[in-house]
Amino acid sequence: MSDEFETVRVVPDHVKPRSGLSLRARAVGLLSRREHSRVELSRKLSVHAQSPEELNALLDALAKEGWQSDQRFVQGFVHRKAGQQGLAKIAQELTQQGIEATQVAQVRLELKDSELERAQSVWQKKFSVSGPPQNTTEYARQGRFLASRGFSHEGIHRVLKDPPEFET
């Protein structure tokens, strides 16, 4: 018997071969699926760009042509997240996406008035079965849950002090 083995390169199923798509085609493909912030799009495309200058020129052109808009990204993001998260978490995630501070401040103003109502809704979805906190341990647990969703301490206190009525 021979001790020679044939070398076989195994490529995992989740690794797709790179296609010859242009940088612009990749960008339009990403934007056709959902809105992306400029920073997010830049991060995703940077591995395919020949230079940072090429990438910046493409991003400028896409914004000028209306393919990419941070304003549309913010509107869609807030629409998706507002029913589940508090103001602090939404603002933090927008900042991480590279959204300008002025736009984040505008979102804060728009969502400020509905913060308590949204916190009550989230609380009711999670704790409608167990009900209002009966002791300090349960109060802390429910408070931590709402805080992890980005709701303010004042809003959390108001929700837990006077929980919304249960819908029957």
N, C-alpha and C. Protein backbone atom coordinates (compact mmCIF):
# COMPACT_ATOMS: atom_id res chain seq x y z
N MET A 1 0.83 -1.17 0.00
CA MET A 1 0.00 0.00 0.00
C MET A 1 0.88 1.24 0.00
N SER A 2 0.38 2.26 -0.62
CA SER A 2 1.12 3.50 -0.73
C SER A 2 0.73 4.45 0.40
N ASP A 3 1.70 5.21 0.89
CA ASP A 3 1.44 6.18 1.95
C ASP A 3 1.10 7.55 1.40
N GLU A 4 0.86 7.59 0.09
CA GLU A 4 0.54 8.87 -0.52
C GLU A 4 -0.95 9.13 -0.41
N PHE A 5 -1.27 10.34 -0.03
CA PHE A 5 -2.66 10.73 0.07
C PHE A 5 -2.92 11.87 -0.88
N GLU A 6 -4.10 11.87 -1.41
CA GLU A 6 -4.48 12.96 -2.29
C GLU A 6 -4.96 14.12 -1.42
N THR A 7 -4.46 15.30 -1.69
CA THR A 7 -4.87 16.48 -0.94
C THR A 7 -6.14 17.03 -1.55
N VAL A 8 -7.16 17.15 -0.71
CA VAL A 8 -8.44 17.67 -1.15
C VAL A 8 -8.76 18.89 -0.30
N ARG A 9 -9.07 19.97 -0.97
CA ARG A 9 -9.43 21.20 -0.26
C ARG A 9 -10.94 21.21 -0.08
N VAL A 10 -11.38 21.22 1.16
CA VAL A 10 -12.80 21.22 1.47
C VAL A 10 -13.22 22.65 1.79
N VAL A 11 -14.21 23.14 1.06
CA VAL A 11 -14.74 24.48 1.28
C VAL A 11 -16.08 24.34 1.99
N PRO A 12 -16.21 24.97 3.15
CA PRO A 12 -17.49 24.87 3.86
C PRO A 12 -18.65 25.38 3.01
N ASP A 13 -19.85 24.85 3.28
CA ASP A 13 -21.04 25.22 2.52
C ASP A 13 -21.40 26.69 2.67
N HIS A 14 -21.10 27.28 3.84
CA HIS A 14 -21.51 28.65 4.08
C HIS A 14 -20.60 29.68 3.39
N VAL A 15 -19.47 29.23 2.84
CA VAL A 15 -18.56 30.14 2.15
C VAL A 15 -18.92 30.15 0.68
N LYS A 16 -19.31 31.33 0.21
CA LYS A 16 -19.68 31.47 -1.19
C LYS A 16 -18.49 32.02 -1.97
N PRO A 17 -18.31 31.52 -3.16
CA PRO A 17 -17.21 32.07 -3.96
C PRO A 17 -17.53 33.52 -4.32
N ARG A 18 -16.50 34.34 -4.35
CA ARG A 18 -16.70 35.75 -4.68
C ARG A 18 -17.04 35.90 -6.16
N SER A 19 -18.08 36.64 -6.38
CA SER A 19 -18.46 36.89 -7.76
C SER A 19 -17.74 38.14 -8.24
N GLY A 20 -17.79 38.37 -9.52
CA GLY A 20 -17.10 39.51 -10.10
C GLY A 20 -17.95 40.77 -10.11
N LEU A 21 -18.81 40.93 -9.14
CA LEU A 21 -19.67 42.11 -9.09
C LEU A 21 -18.85 43.37 -8.86
N SER A 22 -19.28 44.42 -9.48
CA SER A 22 -18.62 45.70 -9.25
C SER A 22 -19.00 46.21 -7.87
N LEU A 23 -18.25 47.17 -7.38
CA LEU A 23 -18.52 47.75 -6.08
C LEU A 23 -19.91 48.41 -6.07
N ARG A 24 -20.24 49.07 -7.16
CA ARG A 24 -21.55 49.72 -7.28
C ARG A 24 -22.68 48.68 -7.26
N ALA A 25 -22.49 47.58 -7.97
CA ALA A 25 -23.51 46.53 -8.00
C ALA A 25 -23.71 45.93 -6.61
N ARG A 26 -22.63 45.76 -5.88
CA ARG A 26 -22.75 45.25 -4.50
C ARG A 26 -23.54 46.23 -3.64
N ALA A 27 -23.22 47.51 -3.77
CA ALA A 27 -23.90 48.54 -2.98
C ALA A 27 -25.39 48.58 -3.30
N VAL A 28 -25.72 48.58 -4.57
CA VAL A 28 -27.13 48.63 -4.98
C VAL A 28 -27.84 47.36 -4.52
N GLY A 29 -27.16 46.24 -4.57
CA GLY A 29 -27.76 44.99 -4.08
C GLY A 29 -28.09 45.07 -2.59
N LEU A 30 -27.16 45.60 -1.81
CA LEU A 30 -27.41 45.75 -0.37
C LEU A 30 -28.56 46.72 -0.12
N LEU A 31 -28.56 47.84 -0.83
CA LEU A 31 -29.58 48.86 -0.63
C LEU A 31 -30.95 48.43 -1.14
N SER A 32 -30.98 47.50 -2.07
CA SER A 32 -32.28 47.03 -2.58
C SER A 32 -32.96 46.10 -1.57
N ARG A 33 -32.19 45.53 -0.66
CA ARG A 33 -32.76 44.63 0.35
C ARG A 33 -33.33 45.41 1.53
N ARG A 34 -32.60 46.46 1.97
CA ARG A 34 -33.05 47.32 3.06
C ARG A 34 -32.19 48.57 3.09
N GLU A 35 -32.64 49.56 3.85
CA GLU A 35 -31.86 50.79 3.99
C GLU A 35 -30.64 50.52 4.85
N HIS A 36 -29.55 51.17 4.52
CA HIS A 36 -28.31 51.09 5.29
C HIS A 36 -27.84 52.51 5.58
N SER A 37 -27.24 52.72 6.74
CA SER A 37 -26.61 54.01 7.00
C SER A 37 -25.32 54.05 6.18
N ARG A 38 -24.82 55.25 5.98
CA ARG A 38 -23.58 55.40 5.21
C ARG A 38 -22.43 54.64 5.86
N VAL A 39 -22.33 54.72 7.18
CA VAL A 39 -21.26 54.03 7.90
C VAL A 39 -21.39 52.52 7.75
N GLU A 40 -22.59 52.01 7.88
CA GLU A 40 -22.82 50.57 7.76
C GLU A 40 -22.50 50.09 6.34
N LEU A 41 -22.94 50.83 5.34
CA LEU A 41 -22.66 50.48 3.96
C LEU A 41 -21.17 50.54 3.67
N SER A 42 -20.52 51.53 4.20
CA SER A 42 -19.07 51.66 4.04
C SER A 42 -18.33 50.46 4.63
N ARG A 43 -18.77 50.05 5.82
CA ARG A 43 -18.14 48.90 6.49
C ARG A 43 -18.31 47.63 5.66
N LYS A 44 -19.51 47.42 5.13
CA LYS A 44 -19.77 46.21 4.36
C LYS A 44 -19.04 46.18 3.02
N LEU A 45 -18.86 47.35 2.42
CA LEU A 45 -18.24 47.41 1.10
C LEU A 45 -16.72 47.57 1.15
N SER A 46 -16.18 47.94 2.29
CA SER A 46 -14.75 48.25 2.37
C SER A 46 -13.86 47.07 1.98
N VAL A 47 -14.30 45.85 2.22
CA VAL A 47 -13.49 44.69 1.87
C VAL A 47 -13.41 44.47 0.36
N HIS A 48 -14.34 45.08 -0.38
CA HIS A 48 -14.38 44.90 -1.82
C HIS A 48 -13.81 46.10 -2.58
N ALA A 49 -13.55 47.19 -1.89
CA ALA A 49 -13.08 48.42 -2.55
C ALA A 49 -11.58 48.36 -2.79
N GLN A 50 -11.15 48.96 -3.89
CA GLN A 50 -9.72 49.04 -4.21
C GLN A 50 -9.03 50.06 -3.31
N SER A 51 -9.74 51.14 -2.97
CA SER A 51 -9.16 52.19 -2.12
C SER A 51 -10.27 52.90 -1.37
N PRO A 52 -9.92 53.57 -0.27
CA PRO A 52 -10.91 54.34 0.47
C PRO A 52 -11.50 55.48 -0.38
N GLU A 53 -10.70 56.04 -1.26
CA GLU A 53 -11.18 57.13 -2.12
C GLU A 53 -12.28 56.62 -3.06
N GLU A 54 -12.07 55.43 -3.63
CA GLU A 54 -13.07 54.84 -4.51
C GLU A 54 -14.39 54.62 -3.76
N LEU A 55 -14.28 54.10 -2.54
CA LEU A 55 -15.46 53.84 -1.73
C LEU A 55 -16.20 55.13 -1.38
N ASN A 56 -15.46 56.15 -0.97
CA ASN A 56 -16.10 57.42 -0.63
C ASN A 56 -16.77 58.06 -1.84
N ALA A 57 -16.13 57.97 -2.99
CA ALA A 57 -16.72 58.52 -4.21
C ALA A 57 -18.03 57.79 -4.55
N LEU A 58 -18.03 56.48 -4.40
CA LEU A 58 -19.24 55.70 -4.67
C LEU A 58 -20.35 56.07 -3.68
N LEU A 59 -20.02 56.17 -2.39
CA LEU A 59 -21.02 56.51 -1.39
C LEU A 59 -21.59 57.90 -1.63
N ASP A 60 -20.74 58.84 -2.03
CA ASP A 60 -21.22 60.19 -2.36
C ASP A 60 -22.18 60.14 -3.55
N ALA A 61 -21.82 59.36 -4.56
CA ALA A 61 -22.67 59.25 -5.76
C ALA A 61 -24.01 58.60 -5.42
N LEU A 62 -23.98 57.56 -4.60
CA LEU A 62 -25.23 56.88 -4.21
C LEU A 62 -26.14 57.81 -3.41
N ALA A 63 -25.56 58.62 -2.56
CA ALA A 63 -26.36 59.57 -1.79
C ALA A 63 -26.94 60.65 -2.71
N LYS A 64 -26.13 61.12 -3.63
CA LYS A 64 -26.58 62.16 -4.55
C LYS A 64 -27.71 61.65 -5.45
N GLU A 65 -27.62 60.39 -5.86
CA GLU A 65 -28.63 59.80 -6.74
C GLU A 65 -29.86 59.32 -5.99
N GLY A 66 -29.82 59.36 -4.66
CA GLY A 66 -30.97 58.96 -3.87
C GLY A 66 -31.03 57.49 -3.50
N TRP A 67 -29.99 56.74 -3.82
CA TRP A 67 -29.97 55.31 -3.46
C TRP A 67 -29.78 55.13 -1.96
N GLN A 68 -28.94 55.96 -1.37
CA GLN A 68 -28.64 55.85 0.05
C GLN A 68 -29.01 57.15 0.75
N SER A 69 -29.71 57.02 1.87
CA SER A 69 -30.12 58.19 2.63
C SER A 69 -30.10 57.83 4.12
N ASP A 70 -29.31 58.58 4.89
CA ASP A 70 -29.31 58.36 6.33
C ASP A 70 -30.66 58.72 6.93
N GLN A 71 -31.34 59.71 6.36
CA GLN A 71 -32.65 60.11 6.86
C GLN A 71 -33.67 58.97 6.71
N ARG A 72 -33.67 58.32 5.54
CA ARG A 72 -34.58 57.17 5.35
C ARG A 72 -34.21 56.02 6.27
N PHE A 73 -32.90 55.82 6.45
CA PHE A 73 -32.45 54.76 7.35
C PHE A 73 -32.98 55.02 8.76
N VAL A 74 -32.86 56.26 9.23
CA VAL A 74 -33.32 56.61 10.58
C VAL A 74 -34.82 56.39 10.70
N GLN A 75 -35.59 56.82 9.72
CA GLN A 75 -37.04 56.65 9.77
C GLN A 75 -37.43 55.18 9.86
N GLY A 76 -36.82 54.35 9.02
CA GLY A 76 -37.12 52.93 9.05
C GLY A 76 -36.69 52.26 10.34
N PHE A 77 -35.52 52.64 10.82
CA PHE A 77 -34.98 52.07 12.05
C PHE A 77 -35.90 52.40 13.23
N VAL A 78 -36.29 53.66 13.34
CA VAL A 78 -37.15 54.08 14.44
C VAL A 78 -38.51 53.38 14.33
N HIS A 79 -39.03 53.26 13.14
CA HIS A 79 -40.31 52.59 12.94
C HIS A 79 -40.25 51.14 13.43
N ARG A 80 -39.14 50.45 13.13
CA ARG A 80 -39.00 49.05 13.53
C ARG A 80 -38.78 48.90 15.03
N LYS A 81 -38.02 49.79 15.64
CA LYS A 81 -37.58 49.59 17.02
C LYS A 81 -38.43 50.28 18.08
N ALA A 82 -39.17 51.31 17.72
CA ALA A 82 -39.86 52.12 18.73
C ALA A 82 -40.84 51.32 19.58
N GLY A 83 -41.48 50.33 19.03
CA GLY A 83 -42.44 49.55 19.79
C GLY A 83 -41.81 48.57 20.76
N GLN A 84 -40.51 48.35 20.65
CA GLN A 84 -39.84 47.35 21.47
C GLN A 84 -38.78 47.93 22.39
N GLN A 85 -38.29 49.12 22.06
CA GLN A 85 -37.15 49.65 22.80
C GLN A 85 -37.41 51.07 23.27
N GLY A 86 -36.66 51.45 24.29
CA GLY A 86 -36.75 52.79 24.83
C GLY A 86 -35.86 53.76 24.08
N LEU A 87 -36.01 54.99 24.45
CA LEU A 87 -35.31 56.09 23.80
C LEU A 87 -33.79 55.94 23.89
N ALA A 88 -33.28 55.56 25.05
CA ALA A 88 -31.83 55.47 25.24
C ALA A 88 -31.21 54.42 24.31
N LYS A 89 -31.85 53.29 24.19
CA LYS A 89 -31.30 52.22 23.35
C LYS A 89 -31.38 52.58 21.87
N ILE A 90 -32.47 53.19 21.45
CA ILE A 90 -32.61 53.60 20.05
C ILE A 90 -31.54 54.63 19.71
N ALA A 91 -31.37 55.62 20.59
CA ALA A 91 -30.36 56.66 20.35
C ALA A 91 -28.95 56.07 20.31
N GLN A 92 -28.67 55.14 21.19
CA GLN A 92 -27.35 54.50 21.22
C GLN A 92 -27.09 53.73 19.92
N GLU A 93 -28.06 52.98 19.46
CA GLU A 93 -27.87 52.20 18.24
C GLU A 93 -27.73 53.10 17.01
N LEU A 94 -28.47 54.21 16.98
CA LEU A 94 -28.32 55.15 15.86
C LEU A 94 -26.93 55.77 15.87
N THR A 95 -26.43 56.10 17.04
CA THR A 95 -25.08 56.66 17.14
C THR A 95 -24.05 55.64 16.67
N GLN A 96 -24.23 54.38 17.03
CA GLN A 96 -23.31 53.33 16.59
C GLN A 96 -23.37 53.15 15.08
N GLN A 97 -24.49 53.46 14.47
CA GLN A 97 -24.62 53.35 13.01
C GLN A 97 -24.04 54.56 12.29
N GLY A 98 -23.50 55.51 13.04
CA GLY A 98 -22.86 56.66 12.44
C GLY A 98 -23.81 57.79 12.08
N ILE A 99 -24.98 57.81 12.68
CA ILE A 99 -25.95 58.86 12.41
C ILE A 99 -25.51 60.12 13.16
N GLU A 100 -25.64 61.27 12.50
CA GLU A 100 -25.21 62.54 13.08
C GLU A 100 -25.98 62.85 14.36
N ALA A 101 -25.32 63.58 15.26
CA ALA A 101 -25.91 63.91 16.55
C ALA A 101 -27.19 64.74 16.41
N THR A 102 -27.27 65.58 15.38
CA THR A 102 -28.47 66.39 15.19
C THR A 102 -29.68 65.51 14.85
N GLN A 103 -29.46 64.48 14.04
CA GLN A 103 -30.56 63.56 13.71
C GLN A 103 -30.96 62.74 14.92
N VAL A 104 -29.99 62.32 15.73
CA VAL A 104 -30.29 61.55 16.93
C VAL A 104 -31.08 62.43 17.91
N ALA A 105 -30.70 63.69 18.03
CA ALA A 105 -31.42 64.62 18.91
C ALA A 105 -32.86 64.80 18.43
N GLN A 106 -33.06 64.85 17.12
CA GLN A 106 -34.41 64.99 16.58
C GLN A 106 -35.26 63.76 16.91
N VAL A 107 -34.66 62.58 16.80
CA VAL A 107 -35.37 61.35 17.16
C VAL A 107 -35.74 61.36 18.64
N ARG A 108 -34.83 61.82 19.47
CA ARG A 108 -35.11 61.91 20.91
C ARG A 108 -36.34 62.79 21.16
N LEU A 109 -36.40 63.93 20.48
CA LEU A 109 -37.54 64.82 20.66
C LEU A 109 -38.84 64.17 20.20
N GLU A 110 -38.78 63.47 19.08
CA GLU A 110 -39.99 62.84 18.54
C GLU A 110 -40.50 61.70 19.43
N LEU A 111 -39.60 60.95 20.04
CA LEU A 111 -40.01 59.78 20.83
C LEU A 111 -40.23 60.07 22.30
N LYS A 112 -39.80 61.24 22.75
CA LYS A 112 -39.87 61.55 24.18
C LYS A 112 -41.29 61.46 24.72
N ASP A 113 -42.25 62.00 23.98
CA ASP A 113 -43.63 62.03 24.47
C ASP A 113 -44.28 60.65 24.56
N SER A 114 -43.81 59.71 23.78
CA SER A 114 -44.43 58.38 23.78
C SER A 114 -43.65 57.36 24.61
N GLU A 115 -42.61 57.80 25.31
CA GLU A 115 -41.75 56.88 26.07
C GLU A 115 -42.53 56.08 27.11
N LEU A 116 -43.37 56.75 27.90
CA LEU A 116 -44.12 56.06 28.95
C LEU A 116 -45.10 55.06 28.35
N GLU A 117 -45.80 55.46 27.33
CA GLU A 117 -46.76 54.57 26.67
C GLU A 117 -46.07 53.34 26.09
N ARG A 118 -44.91 53.53 25.48
CA ARG A 118 -44.18 52.40 24.91
C ARG A 118 -43.65 51.49 26.01
N ALA A 119 -43.19 52.05 27.12
CA ALA A 119 -42.71 51.25 28.26
C ALA A 119 -43.86 50.42 28.84
N GLN A 120 -45.02 51.02 28.94
CA GLN A 120 -46.19 50.29 29.44
C GLN A 120 -46.55 49.13 28.52
N SER A 121 -46.48 49.37 27.23
CA SER A 121 -46.80 48.33 26.26
C SER A 121 -45.82 47.16 26.34
N VAL A 122 -44.53 47.47 26.44
CA VAL A 122 -43.51 46.43 26.55
C VAL A 122 -43.69 45.67 27.86
N TRP A 123 -43.95 46.39 28.94
CA TRP A 123 -44.16 45.74 30.24
C TRP A 123 -45.35 44.80 30.17
N GLN A 124 -46.44 45.27 29.55
CA GLN A 124 -47.66 44.47 29.49
C GLN A 124 -47.44 43.19 28.68
N LYS A 125 -46.70 43.28 27.59
CA LYS A 125 -46.44 42.08 26.78
C LYS A 125 -45.64 41.05 27.55
N LYS A 126 -44.69 41.52 28.34
CA LYS A 126 -43.80 40.61 29.06
C LYS A 126 -44.41 40.09 30.37
N PHE A 127 -45.08 40.97 31.09
CA PHE A 127 -45.48 40.62 32.45
C PHE A 127 -47.00 40.54 32.67
N SER A 128 -47.77 40.41 31.61
CA SER A 128 -49.23 40.36 31.78
C SER A 128 -49.66 39.12 32.56
N VAL A 129 -48.90 38.05 32.48
CA VAL A 129 -49.26 36.82 33.20
C VAL A 129 -48.89 36.94 34.68
N SER A 130 -47.68 37.40 34.97
CA SER A 130 -47.22 37.46 36.37
C SER A 130 -47.78 38.66 37.11
N GLY A 131 -48.15 39.70 36.39
CA GLY A 131 -48.77 40.87 37.02
C GLY A 131 -47.77 41.83 37.62
N PRO A 132 -48.28 42.82 38.33
CA PRO A 132 -47.43 43.85 38.92
C PRO A 132 -46.47 43.24 39.95
N PRO A 133 -45.35 43.89 40.19
CA PRO A 133 -44.40 43.34 41.16
C PRO A 133 -45.00 43.33 42.57
N GLN A 134 -44.86 42.18 43.24
CA GLN A 134 -45.44 42.02 44.58
C GLN A 134 -44.41 42.22 45.69
N ASN A 135 -43.13 42.20 45.31
CA ASN A 135 -42.08 42.40 46.30
C ASN A 135 -40.89 43.10 45.64
N THR A 136 -39.88 43.42 46.43
CA THR A 136 -38.74 44.18 45.90
C THR A 136 -37.93 43.37 44.89
N THR A 137 -37.86 42.07 45.06
CA THR A 137 -37.12 41.23 44.12
C THR A 137 -37.78 41.27 42.75
N GLU A 138 -39.09 41.13 42.73
CA GLU A 138 -39.82 41.16 41.46
C GLU A 138 -39.79 42.56 40.85
N TYR A 139 -39.86 43.57 41.68
CA TYR A 139 -39.78 44.96 41.20
C TYR A 139 -38.43 45.18 40.51
N ALA A 140 -37.36 44.70 41.13
CA ALA A 140 -36.02 44.84 40.56
C ALA A 140 -35.89 44.06 39.26
N ARG A 141 -36.46 42.86 39.21
CA ARG A 141 -36.38 42.04 37.99
C ARG A 141 -37.10 42.73 36.84
N GLN A 142 -38.30 43.20 37.09
CA GLN A 142 -39.05 43.87 36.03
C GLN A 142 -38.38 45.18 35.63
N GLY A 143 -37.83 45.88 36.60
CA GLY A 143 -37.12 47.12 36.32
C GLY A 143 -35.89 46.89 35.46
N ARG A 144 -35.13 45.83 35.77
CA ARG A 144 -33.95 45.50 34.96
C ARG A 144 -34.33 45.17 33.53
N PHE A 145 -35.45 44.46 33.37
CA PHE A 145 -35.90 44.12 32.02
C PHE A 145 -36.18 45.39 31.22
N LEU A 146 -36.94 46.31 31.80
CA LEU A 146 -37.27 47.55 31.09
C LEU A 146 -36.02 48.40 30.86
N ALA A 147 -35.10 48.41 31.81
CA ALA A 147 -33.86 49.17 31.64
C ALA A 147 -33.02 48.58 30.52
N SER A 148 -33.02 47.26 30.39
CA SER A 148 -32.24 46.63 29.32
C SER A 148 -32.81 46.96 27.95
N ARG A 149 -34.07 47.33 27.91
CA ARG A 149 -34.71 47.74 26.66
C ARG A 149 -34.49 49.23 26.37
N GLY A 150 -33.84 49.94 27.29
CA GLY A 150 -33.49 51.33 27.04
C GLY A 150 -34.49 52.36 27.53
N PHE A 151 -35.38 51.97 28.43
CA PHE A 151 -36.35 52.93 28.95
C PHE A 151 -35.73 53.69 30.12
N SER A 152 -36.20 54.92 30.33
CA SER A 152 -35.65 55.78 31.38
C SER A 152 -36.05 55.27 32.76
N HIS A 153 -35.25 55.65 33.76
CA HIS A 153 -35.54 55.24 35.14
C HIS A 153 -36.87 55.82 35.61
N GLU A 154 -37.15 57.06 35.20
CA GLU A 154 -38.41 57.69 35.58
C GLU A 154 -39.58 56.91 34.98
N GLY A 155 -39.47 56.55 33.70
CA GLY A 155 -40.53 55.79 33.05
C GLY A 155 -40.72 54.42 33.67
N ILE A 156 -39.61 53.77 33.99
CA ILE A 156 -39.69 52.45 34.63
C ILE A 156 -40.40 52.55 35.98
N HIS A 157 -40.01 53.55 36.75
CA HIS A 157 -40.63 53.73 38.08
C HIS A 157 -42.13 53.97 37.94
N ARG A 158 -42.51 54.80 36.97
CA ARG A 158 -43.94 55.09 36.78
C ARG A 158 -44.71 53.86 36.33
N VAL A 159 -44.12 53.05 35.45
CA VAL A 159 -44.80 51.83 34.99
C VAL A 159 -44.95 50.83 36.12
N LEU A 160 -43.91 50.64 36.91
CA LEU A 160 -43.97 49.63 37.97
C LEU A 160 -44.78 50.11 39.18
N LYS A 161 -44.83 51.41 39.40
CA LYS A 161 -45.61 51.95 40.51
C LYS A 161 -47.11 51.87 40.21
N ASP A 162 -47.45 52.14 38.95
CA ASP A 162 -48.86 52.13 38.55
C ASP A 162 -48.95 51.38 37.22
N PRO A 163 -48.89 50.03 37.25
CA PRO A 163 -48.91 49.25 36.01
C PRO A 163 -50.18 49.49 35.20
N PRO A 164 -50.09 49.33 33.88
CA PRO A 164 -51.28 49.49 33.05
C PRO A 164 -52.29 48.40 33.35
N GLU A 165 -53.53 48.72 33.09
CA GLU A 165 -54.60 47.74 33.28
C GLU A 165 -54.43 46.60 32.28
N PHE A 166 -54.78 45.42 32.70
CA PHE A 166 -54.68 44.26 31.82
C PHE A 166 -55.85 44.26 30.85
N GLU A 167 -55.55 43.93 29.60
CA GLU A 167 -56.61 43.81 28.60
C GLU A 167 -57.19 42.41 28.71
N THR A 168 -58.48 42.32 28.73
CA THR A 168 -59.11 41.00 28.83
C THR A 168 -59.87 40.66 27.59
